[in-house]
Amino acid sequence: MTDTPKKVYVSYDQIHQLCQAAGEVILRDFRPDLILAIGGGGFIPARILRTFLKVPGQKNIPIQAIGLVLYEDLGTGVEEQIGAEVQRIQWLDFSTMGGKSLLGKRILIVDEVDDTRTTLHYAVRELLKDATSQAEAVGQTLKESHTEFGVFVVHNKNKPKKAELDDLMDMSRYFVGKEVGGEWVCYPWESLDIVQHTKLAQEQAAAGENTVV
């Protein structure tokens, strides 16, 4: 029988601080001009991160959303389990984004956690297909279009992955708020009682038991 991983609670302010620290590195090394949040875990980190990617005198970086589902709610009211495959729930509507919206951009994909890497692999692979098709439509290769992809996750779990990104993107553009082990990270946007959740996060931090911030 497999032992249940230890639950570690992370608060909104702790997430904010991880995004702030990562934002400085991303701004220096990548400077994206489009953020793609993977719903639903990537929404809040993407918005926080944008604050720290703002360049004075320039407009805010636009945030678009894609909806992918890998975790399955078993209906037990307790927890979710990893599903067998990624399901596309929502994708970019290029007809409302100028048609060739990916070309020539530095695109940062944001999610809360890189667990099995299956979801991120799917997102990068499919976006590369879209960008390649858009480039070919104007007589360019993807390289000639100067379209680049990066990834930011709040947490990366250091464990064997079911998929890799090395063959899809430059891994120097893979950014992480915090490397973690096998902990069960409990995010505040999943909590039914945010007051109790924040209290647990603060107590674990005070006791030196919070290993994810």
Protein backbone atom coordinates (compact mmCIF):
# COMPACT_ATOMS: atom_id res chain seq x y z
CA MET A 1 0.00 0.00 0.00
CA THR A 2 1.37 3.42 -0.96
CA ASP A 3 1.73 5.94 1.85
CA THR A 4 -0.31 9.12 1.44
CA PRO A 5 1.99 12.11 0.79
CA LYS A 6 2.20 14.74 3.50
CA LYS A 7 -0.14 17.66 2.96
CA VAL A 8 1.60 21.02 2.86
CA TYR A 9 -0.53 24.17 2.81
CA VAL A 10 0.52 27.23 0.85
CA SER A 11 -1.15 30.62 1.31
CA TYR A 12 -1.91 33.39 -1.14
CA ASP A 13 0.87 35.60 0.19
CA GLN A 14 3.38 32.74 -0.12
CA ILE A 15 2.30 32.16 -3.74
CA HIS A 16 2.63 35.90 -4.33
CA GLN A 17 6.20 35.89 -3.05
CA LEU A 18 7.17 32.89 -5.20
CA CYS A 19 5.75 34.64 -8.27
CA GLN A 20 7.59 37.84 -7.40
CA ALA A 21 10.96 36.08 -7.14
CA ALA A 22 10.37 34.14 -10.36
CA GLY A 23 9.11 37.24 -12.14
CA GLU A 24 12.46 38.97 -11.76
CA VAL A 25 14.23 36.05 -13.45
CA ILE A 26 11.61 35.70 -16.21
CA LEU A 27 11.72 39.42 -16.98
CA ARG A 28 15.50 39.30 -17.23
CA ASP A 29 15.84 36.08 -19.23
CA PHE A 30 12.69 35.85 -21.35
CA ARG A 31 10.47 38.98 -21.19
CA PRO A 32 7.23 37.45 -22.52
CA ASP A 33 4.66 39.51 -24.42
CA LEU A 34 1.82 37.00 -24.07
CA ILE A 35 0.81 34.89 -21.07
CA LEU A 36 -1.25 31.71 -21.51
CA ALA A 37 -2.78 30.46 -18.27
CA ILE A 38 -3.77 26.81 -18.05
CA GLY A 39 -7.09 26.66 -16.25
CA GLY A 40 -7.91 26.49 -13.56
CA GLY A 41 -4.66 26.28 -11.51
CA GLY A 42 -2.74 28.69 -13.72
CA PHE A 43 -5.21 31.59 -13.55
CA ILE A 44 -4.22 33.21 -10.26
CA PRO A 45 -0.45 32.68 -10.60
CA ALA A 46 -0.61 34.17 -14.12
CA ARG A 47 -2.32 37.32 -12.87
CA ILE A 48 0.08 37.72 -9.95
CA LEU A 49 3.07 37.10 -12.17
CA ARG A 50 1.98 39.75 -14.66
CA THR A 51 2.40 42.41 -11.99
CA PHE A 52 6.12 41.60 -11.80
CA LEU A 53 6.58 41.38 -15.57
CA LYS A 54 5.30 44.91 -16.18
CA VAL A 55 7.85 47.13 -17.91
CA PRO A 56 7.45 50.83 -17.05
CA GLY A 57 6.02 52.76 -19.96
CA GLN A 58 4.66 49.66 -21.68
CA LYS A 59 1.18 48.11 -21.68
CA ASN A 60 0.29 45.19 -19.43
CA ILE A 61 1.03 41.79 -20.93
CA PRO A 62 -2.23 40.23 -22.18
CA ILE A 63 -3.37 37.01 -20.53
CA GLN A 64 -5.24 34.35 -22.49
CA ALA A 65 -6.64 31.09 -21.13
CA ILE A 66 -6.60 27.51 -22.27
CA GLY A 67 -8.59 24.83 -20.49
CA LEU A 68 -7.02 21.41 -20.06
CA VAL A 69 -8.10 18.64 -17.71
CA LEU A 70 -5.90 15.79 -16.54
CA TYR A 71 -7.11 15.34 -12.98
CA GLU A 72 -10.42 13.53 -12.63
CA ASP A 73 -12.92 14.25 -9.87
CA LEU A 74 -14.04 10.82 -8.71
CA GLY A 75 -17.14 12.26 -7.10
CA THR A 76 -16.11 11.19 -3.62
CA GLY A 77 -16.00 14.76 -2.35
CA VAL A 78 -12.45 14.20 -1.15
CA GLU A 79 -9.69 14.49 -3.75
CA GLU A 80 -8.97 14.24 -7.46
CA GLN A 81 -6.95 11.53 -9.19
CA ILE A 82 -4.69 11.74 -12.21
CA GLY A 83 -6.59 10.81 -15.35
CA ALA A 84 -5.43 8.75 -18.28
CA GLU A 85 -5.22 11.53 -20.86
CA VAL A 86 -5.45 15.28 -21.29
CA GLN A 87 -8.84 16.65 -22.26
CA ARG A 88 -9.06 19.96 -24.11
CA ILE A 89 -11.90 22.00 -22.61
CA GLN A 90 -11.04 25.46 -23.95
CA TRP A 91 -8.56 26.66 -26.56
CA LEU A 92 -7.47 29.92 -28.14
CA ASP A 93 -9.91 31.47 -30.61
CA PHE A 94 -7.55 32.85 -33.23
CA SER A 95 -10.40 34.47 -35.15
CA THR A 96 -10.77 36.97 -32.31
CA MET A 97 -7.03 37.41 -31.79
CA GLY A 98 -5.93 38.71 -35.16
CA GLY A 99 -5.51 35.32 -36.83
CA LYS A 100 -1.70 35.16 -36.63
CA SER A 101 -1.64 35.98 -32.92
CA LEU A 102 1.19 33.63 -31.91
CA LEU A 103 3.72 34.64 -34.54
CA GLY A 104 6.71 36.66 -33.43
CA LYS A 105 5.74 36.49 -29.77
CA ARG A 106 7.45 35.23 -26.63
CA ILE A 107 4.70 33.17 -25.06
CA LEU A 108 4.76 32.14 -21.40
CA ILE A 109 2.58 29.18 -20.39
CA VAL A 110 1.62 29.25 -16.70
CA ASP A 111 0.34 26.48 -14.44
CA GLU A 112 0.34 25.81 -10.72
CA VAL A 113 2.29 22.54 -10.60
CA ASP A 114 4.37 20.33 -12.87
CA ASP A 115 3.51 16.88 -11.56
CA THR A 116 3.62 14.26 -14.32
CA ARG A 117 4.36 16.93 -17.00
CA THR A 118 1.61 15.44 -19.16
CA THR A 119 -0.51 18.60 -19.25
CA LEU A 120 2.41 20.91 -20.00
CA HIS A 121 3.66 18.61 -22.74
CA TYR A 122 0.23 18.62 -24.36
CA ALA A 123 -0.06 22.42 -24.13
CA VAL A 124 3.37 23.14 -25.61
CA ARG A 125 3.00 20.51 -28.34
CA GLU A 126 -0.40 21.77 -29.48
CA LEU A 127 0.62 25.42 -29.37
CA LEU A 128 3.68 24.61 -31.44
CA LYS A 129 1.39 22.99 -34.01
CA ASP A 130 -0.76 26.13 -34.11
CA ALA A 131 2.25 28.43 -34.42
CA THR A 132 3.79 26.26 -37.15
CA SER A 133 0.54 26.31 -39.15
CA GLN A 134 0.32 30.09 -38.79
CA ALA A 135 3.93 30.51 -39.91
CA GLU A 136 3.45 28.25 -42.93
CA ALA A 137 0.37 30.25 -43.93
CA VAL A 138 2.60 33.30 -44.42
CA GLY A 139 5.43 31.37 -46.05
CA GLN A 140 7.68 31.11 -43.00
CA THR A 141 9.16 28.38 -40.87
CA LEU A 142 8.50 28.54 -37.14
CA LYS A 143 12.12 29.57 -36.57
CA GLU A 144 11.84 32.38 -39.10
CA SER A 145 8.73 33.66 -37.32
CA HIS A 146 10.74 34.23 -34.11
CA THR A 147 8.00 32.65 -32.02
CA GLU A 148 9.27 31.39 -28.67
CA PHE A 149 7.67 29.46 -25.83
CA GLY A 150 8.45 29.45 -22.14
CA VAL A 151 6.86 27.81 -19.09
CA PHE A 152 6.35 28.95 -15.52
CA VAL A 153 5.04 26.70 -12.76
CA VAL A 154 4.69 27.64 -9.12
CA HIS A 155 5.95 24.18 -8.12
CA ASN A 156 7.85 21.47 -9.95
CA LYS A 157 7.76 18.04 -8.38
CA ASN A 158 11.16 16.38 -8.64
CA LYS A 159 9.95 12.96 -9.71
CA PRO A 160 10.02 10.83 -12.89
CA LYS A 161 7.82 12.46 -15.52
CA LYS A 162 5.45 10.78 -17.95
CA ALA A 163 6.40 13.29 -20.68
CA GLU A 164 9.28 15.65 -21.38
CA LEU A 165 9.60 19.12 -22.86
CA ASP A 166 13.22 18.98 -24.04
CA ASP A 167 12.28 18.12 -27.62
CA LEU A 168 9.66 20.88 -27.76
CA MET A 169 11.31 23.94 -26.22
CA ASP A 170 14.49 25.45 -24.87
CA MET A 171 14.57 24.33 -21.22
CA SER A 172 16.41 27.50 -20.23
CA ARG A 173 12.94 29.04 -20.59
CA TYR A 174 11.42 26.67 -18.05
CA PHE A 175 10.93 28.68 -14.85
CA VAL A 176 9.95 27.37 -11.41
CA GLY A 177 8.84 29.15 -8.26
CA LYS A 178 9.96 26.30 -6.00
CA GLU A 179 11.31 22.79 -6.57
CA VAL A 180 9.53 20.30 -4.31
CA GLY A 181 9.49 16.59 -3.61
CA GLY A 182 6.48 14.35 -3.23
CA GLU A 183 4.52 16.65 -0.94
CA TRP A 184 0.81 17.04 -1.44
CA VAL A 185 0.63 20.77 -2.14
CA CYS A 186 -2.66 22.29 -1.03
CA TYR A 187 -3.37 25.53 -2.91
CA PRO A 188 -5.55 28.30 -1.45
CA TRP A 189 -7.86 28.50 -4.48
CA GLU A 190 -8.88 24.89 -3.82
CA SER A 191 -9.79 25.52 -0.19
CA LEU A 192 -13.35 25.53 1.14
CA ASP A 193 -12.24 27.38 4.30
CA ILE A 194 -9.60 29.96 3.41
CA VAL A 195 -9.20 31.17 7.00
CA GLN A 196 -8.34 27.70 8.25
CA HIS A 197 -6.18 27.04 5.19
CA THR A 198 -4.14 30.21 5.77
CA LYS A 199 -3.77 29.37 9.46
CA LEU A 200 -2.40 25.92 8.61
CA ALA A 201 0.04 27.42 6.09
CA GLN A 202 1.29 29.92 8.68
CA GLU A 203 1.62 27.25 11.39
CA GLN A 204 3.60 24.96 9.10
CA ALA A 205 5.86 27.83 8.09
CA ALA A 206 6.44 28.86 11.71
CA ALA A 207 7.31 25.28 12.64
CA GLY A 208 9.70 24.96 9.71
CA GLU A 209 7.49 22.26 8.19
CA ASN A 210 6.50 24.10 5.02
CA THR A 211 8.80 22.74 2.33
CA VAL A 212 7.05 24.29 -0.66
CA VAL A 213 7.77 28.00 -0.19
